N, C-alpha and C. Protein backbone atom coordinates (compact mmCIF):
# COMPACT_ATOMS: atom_id res chain seq x y z
N UNK A 1 26.14 10.13 -10.07
CA UNK A 1 25.38 10.37 -9.41
C UNK A 1 24.53 10.18 -8.64
N UNK A 2 23.77 10.59 -8.01
CA UNK A 2 22.76 9.92 -6.70
C UNK A 2 21.38 9.38 -7.70
N UNK A 3 20.44 9.15 -6.92
CA UNK A 3 19.13 9.10 -7.40
C UNK A 3 18.70 10.29 -7.88
N UNK A 4 17.27 10.30 -8.52
CA UNK A 4 17.08 11.42 -9.00
C UNK A 4 15.33 10.92 -8.86
N UNK A 5 13.98 11.91 -8.79
CA UNK A 5 13.16 11.65 -8.15
C UNK A 5 12.43 10.96 -9.40
N UNK A 6 12.45 11.30 -10.94
CA UNK A 6 12.14 10.33 -11.52
C UNK A 6 12.20 9.00 -11.57
N UNK A 7 13.44 8.71 -11.19
CA UNK A 7 13.87 7.13 -10.96
C UNK A 7 13.19 6.41 -9.77
N UNK A 8 12.88 7.15 -9.00
CA UNK A 8 12.50 6.93 -7.23
C UNK A 8 11.01 6.30 -7.89
N UNK A 9 10.18 7.62 -8.67
CA UNK A 9 9.21 7.10 -9.27
C UNK A 9 9.00 5.92 -10.17
N UNK A 10 10.07 5.83 -10.79
CA UNK A 10 9.96 4.40 -11.47
C UNK A 10 10.26 3.41 -11.16
N UNK A 11 10.77 3.47 -9.33
CA UNK A 11 10.87 2.25 -8.71
C UNK A 11 9.70 2.07 -8.13
N UNK A 12 8.82 2.93 -7.60
CA UNK A 12 7.60 3.05 -6.78
C UNK A 12 6.57 2.31 -7.99
N UNK A 13 6.67 2.80 -9.18
CA UNK A 13 5.41 2.58 -10.38
C UNK A 13 6.10 0.89 -10.27
N UNK A 14 7.11 0.25 -10.07
CA UNK A 14 7.21 -1.03 -10.45
C UNK A 14 6.98 -2.09 -8.91
N UNK A 15 7.43 -1.20 -7.63
CA UNK A 15 7.05 -1.57 -6.91
C UNK A 15 5.41 -2.16 -6.64
N UNK A 16 4.39 -1.21 -7.00
CA UNK A 16 2.86 -0.91 -7.24
C UNK A 16 2.61 -2.29 -8.24
N UNK A 17 3.64 -2.31 -9.25
CA UNK A 17 3.11 -3.43 -9.91
C UNK A 17 3.44 -4.86 -9.63
N UNK A 18 4.59 -5.08 -8.85
CA UNK A 18 4.77 -6.36 -7.77
C UNK A 18 3.48 -6.63 -7.08
N UNK A 19 2.64 -5.44 -6.82
CA UNK A 19 1.47 -5.90 -5.55
C UNK A 19 -0.11 -6.53 -6.54
N UNK A 20 -0.06 -6.37 -7.74
CA UNK A 20 -0.82 -6.76 -8.43
C UNK A 20 -1.37 -7.80 -8.20
N UNK A 21 -0.83 -8.72 -7.52
CA UNK A 21 -1.52 -10.35 -6.96
C UNK A 21 -2.35 -10.02 -6.03
N UNK A 22 -1.58 -8.94 -4.70
CA UNK A 22 -2.63 -8.56 -3.82
C UNK A 22 -3.71 -8.00 -3.85
N UNK A 23 -3.43 -6.63 -5.16
CA UNK A 23 -4.41 -5.87 -5.25
C UNK A 23 -5.51 -6.67 -6.12
N UNK A 24 -5.46 -7.91 -6.78
CA UNK A 24 -6.49 -9.01 -7.71
C UNK A 24 -7.03 -9.60 -6.62
N UNK A 25 -6.49 -10.04 -5.38
CA UNK A 25 -7.23 -10.72 -4.45
C UNK A 25 -8.06 -9.63 -3.64
N UNK A 26 -8.26 -8.66 -3.25
CA UNK A 26 -8.53 -7.72 -2.84
C UNK A 26 -10.31 -7.88 -3.41
N UNK A 27 -11.33 -7.87 -2.88
CA UNK A 27 -12.73 -7.80 -2.92
C UNK A 27 -12.79 -6.01 -4.13
N UNK A 28 -13.54 -6.28 -4.84
CA UNK A 28 -13.58 -5.26 -6.05
C UNK A 28 -13.92 -3.41 -5.06
N UNK A 29 -14.79 -3.85 -4.14
CA UNK A 29 -15.00 -2.67 -3.82
C UNK A 29 -13.72 -2.11 -2.91
N UNK A 30 -12.58 -2.96 -2.71
CA UNK A 30 -11.43 -2.36 -1.92
C UNK A 30 -10.54 -2.25 -2.72
N UNK A 31 -10.59 -2.24 -4.19
CA UNK A 31 -9.34 -1.94 -5.13
C UNK A 31 -9.22 -0.92 -5.08
N UNK A 32 -10.01 0.12 -5.29
CA UNK A 32 -10.06 1.57 -5.27
C UNK A 32 -9.17 2.03 -4.35
N UNK A 33 -9.91 2.00 -3.37
CA UNK A 33 -8.54 2.48 -1.44
C UNK A 33 -7.39 2.03 -1.59
N UNK A 34 -7.01 0.94 -2.46
CA UNK A 34 -5.53 0.12 -2.40
C UNK A 34 -4.93 0.90 -3.84
N UNK A 35 -5.78 1.46 -4.61
CA UNK A 35 -4.98 1.92 -5.16
C UNK A 35 -4.47 3.76 -5.02
N UNK A 36 -5.46 4.00 -4.39
CA UNK A 36 -5.75 5.37 -3.84
C UNK A 36 -4.43 5.84 -2.57
N UNK A 37 -4.46 4.39 -1.67
CA UNK A 37 -3.01 4.33 -0.91
C UNK A 37 -1.98 4.36 -1.72
N UNK A 38 -1.55 3.50 -2.75
CA UNK A 38 -0.50 3.32 -3.12
C UNK A 38 -0.31 4.82 -3.90
N UNK A 39 -1.27 5.40 -4.59
CA UNK A 39 -1.00 6.90 -5.00
C UNK A 39 -0.32 7.80 -4.48
N UNK A 40 -1.05 7.49 -2.57
CA UNK A 40 -0.62 8.77 -1.93
C UNK A 40 1.23 8.59 -1.91
N UNK A 41 1.61 7.81 -1.85
CA UNK A 41 2.94 7.39 -1.97
C UNK A 41 3.75 8.54 -2.75
N UNK A 42 2.99 8.56 -4.27
CA UNK A 42 3.40 9.42 -5.14
C UNK A 42 3.65 11.43 -4.40
N UNK A 43 2.83 11.61 -3.57
CA UNK A 43 3.21 12.73 -3.39
C UNK A 43 4.13 13.06 -2.35
N UNK A 44 4.75 12.01 -1.84
CA UNK A 44 6.04 12.44 -1.07
C UNK A 44 7.38 11.99 -1.42
N UNK A 45 7.12 11.42 -3.42
CA UNK A 45 7.91 11.21 -4.29
C UNK A 45 9.74 11.61 -3.51
N UNK A 46 9.58 12.86 -3.64
CA UNK A 46 10.88 13.47 -3.42
C UNK A 46 11.41 13.49 -2.20
N UNK A 47 10.56 13.17 -1.29
CA UNK A 47 11.02 12.91 0.47
C UNK A 47 11.53 12.17 0.34
N UNK A 48 10.89 10.62 -0.36
CA UNK A 48 10.97 9.46 -0.13
C UNK A 48 12.62 9.03 -0.77
N UNK A 49 12.89 9.75 -2.03
CA UNK A 49 13.99 9.85 -2.83
C UNK A 49 15.19 10.43 -2.09
N UNK A 50 14.99 11.39 -1.08
CA UNK A 50 16.31 12.40 -0.38
C UNK A 50 16.62 11.41 0.66
N UNK A 51 15.60 10.51 1.10
CA UNK A 51 15.71 9.42 2.36
C UNK A 51 16.90 8.55 2.00
N UNK A 52 16.89 8.01 1.10
CA UNK A 52 17.97 6.62 0.42
C UNK A 52 17.40 5.54 1.17
N UNK A 53 16.53 4.83 1.36
CA UNK A 53 16.45 3.73 1.77
C UNK A 53 16.76 2.40 1.01
N UNK A 54 17.66 1.12 1.86
CA UNK A 54 17.75 -0.03 0.67
C UNK A 54 16.90 -0.01 0.27
N UNK A 55 15.84 -0.01 1.02
CA UNK A 55 14.71 -0.67 -0.02
C UNK A 55 13.45 0.08 -0.53
N UNK A 56 13.07 0.48 -1.68
CA UNK A 56 12.20 1.24 -2.09
C UNK A 56 10.45 1.36 -1.49
N UNK A 57 10.31 0.08 -1.22
CA UNK A 57 8.99 -0.31 -0.35
C UNK A 57 9.19 0.45 1.20
N UNK A 58 10.50 0.88 1.46
CA UNK A 58 10.58 1.51 2.50
C UNK A 58 10.20 2.87 2.61
N UNK A 59 10.73 3.92 1.61
CA UNK A 59 10.24 5.08 1.33
C UNK A 59 8.75 5.29 0.66
N UNK A 60 7.66 4.17 0.53
CA UNK A 60 6.73 4.28 0.10
C UNK A 60 6.05 3.91 1.26
N UNK A 61 6.29 3.05 2.13
CA UNK A 61 5.48 2.68 2.98
C UNK A 61 5.78 4.16 4.28
N UNK A 62 6.40 4.92 4.46
CA UNK A 62 6.57 6.07 5.04
C UNK A 62 6.11 7.33 4.95
N UNK A 63 5.49 7.57 3.55
CA UNK A 63 5.05 8.12 2.70
C UNK A 63 3.78 8.02 2.99
N UNK A 64 3.20 6.92 2.79
CA UNK A 64 1.90 6.10 3.48
C UNK A 64 1.27 6.52 4.17
N UNK A 65 2.06 6.51 5.32
CA UNK A 65 1.45 6.67 7.10
C UNK A 65 1.56 8.19 6.94
N UNK A 66 2.88 8.44 6.49
CA UNK A 66 3.24 10.08 7.02
C UNK A 66 1.73 10.92 6.15
N UNK A 67 1.24 10.13 5.25
CA UNK A 67 -0.02 11.03 4.37
C UNK A 67 -0.87 10.69 5.06
N UNK A 68 -0.93 9.33 5.65
CA UNK A 68 -2.69 8.86 6.99
C UNK A 68 -2.50 9.70 7.94
N UNK A 69 -1.60 9.57 8.58
CA UNK A 69 -1.06 10.71 9.93
C UNK A 69 -1.71 12.06 9.88
N UNK A 70 -0.90 12.33 8.74
CA UNK A 70 -1.62 13.93 8.00
C UNK A 70 -3.45 13.95 8.15
N UNK A 71 -4.02 13.20 7.26
CA UNK A 71 -5.37 12.81 7.26
C UNK A 71 -5.66 12.94 8.06
N UNK A 72 -5.48 11.90 9.40
CA UNK A 72 -5.79 11.80 10.64
C UNK A 72 -5.74 13.25 11.70
N UNK A 73 -4.40 13.61 11.83
CA UNK A 73 -4.29 14.88 12.22
C UNK A 73 -5.30 15.70 11.72
N UNK A 74 -5.62 15.84 10.39
CA UNK A 74 -6.64 17.38 10.52
C UNK A 74 -7.80 16.40 10.63
N UNK A 75 -8.61 15.32 10.63
CA UNK A 75 -9.22 15.07 10.65
C UNK A 75 -9.95 15.29 12.59
N UNK A 76 -8.73 14.92 12.94
CA UNK A 76 -8.86 14.98 14.62
C UNK A 76 -8.97 16.33 14.83
N UNK A 77 -8.50 17.65 14.20
CA UNK A 77 -8.76 18.62 14.51
C UNK A 77 -10.17 19.79 14.57
N UNK A 78 -10.64 18.54 13.34
CA UNK A 78 -11.98 19.25 12.67
C UNK A 78 -13.25 18.87 13.51
N UNK A 79 -12.71 17.49 14.17
CA UNK A 79 -13.80 16.80 15.21
C UNK A 79 -13.56 18.27 16.24
N UNK A 80 -12.29 18.08 16.78
CA UNK A 80 -11.89 19.06 17.94
C UNK A 80 -12.73 20.79 17.89
N UNK A 81 -12.70 20.99 16.69
CA UNK A 81 -13.42 22.05 16.35
C UNK A 81 -14.64 22.33 16.27
N UNK A 82 -15.33 21.37 16.33
CA UNK A 82 -17.08 20.96 16.27
C UNK A 82 -17.27 20.44 17.63
N UNK A 83 -16.71 19.80 18.67
CA UNK A 83 -17.02 20.08 19.74
C UNK A 83 -16.54 20.87 20.64
N UNK A 84 -16.23 22.03 20.07
CA UNK A 84 -15.98 23.33 20.74
C UNK A 84 -17.09 23.91 20.32
N UNK A 85 -17.81 24.06 19.09
CA UNK A 85 -18.25 24.81 18.33
C UNK A 85 -19.98 24.32 19.54
N UNK A 86 -19.81 23.27 19.41
CA UNK A 86 -21.42 22.79 19.76
C UNK A 86 -21.30 23.15 21.90
N UNK A 87 -20.13 22.89 22.11
CA UNK A 87 -20.13 23.01 24.08
C UNK A 87 -20.09 24.86 23.90
N UNK A 88 -20.38 25.73 22.87
CA UNK A 88 -20.46 27.07 23.10
C UNK A 88 -21.61 27.40 23.21
N UNK A 89 -22.91 26.13 22.74
CA UNK A 89 -24.24 26.85 22.00
C UNK A 89 -24.96 26.87 23.88
């Protein structure tokens, strides 16, 4: 049988664990943001698992990038709406 979502989630947890040294080297104020960023990969674990990439880091990276792209696109849409509303005044 192929990969399952639960095994990919375990692989993500292992990958995150391997970045602990990097996390510890960050300023304390940045660690929460780093944790949040890594956590966003879990939102797309099923898609990452289905992609069947040779490196678990590739799936996690794409998931994180996708999540941030969605947040940027949503923010850009809101900015556009605000600008339109202001120009109507």
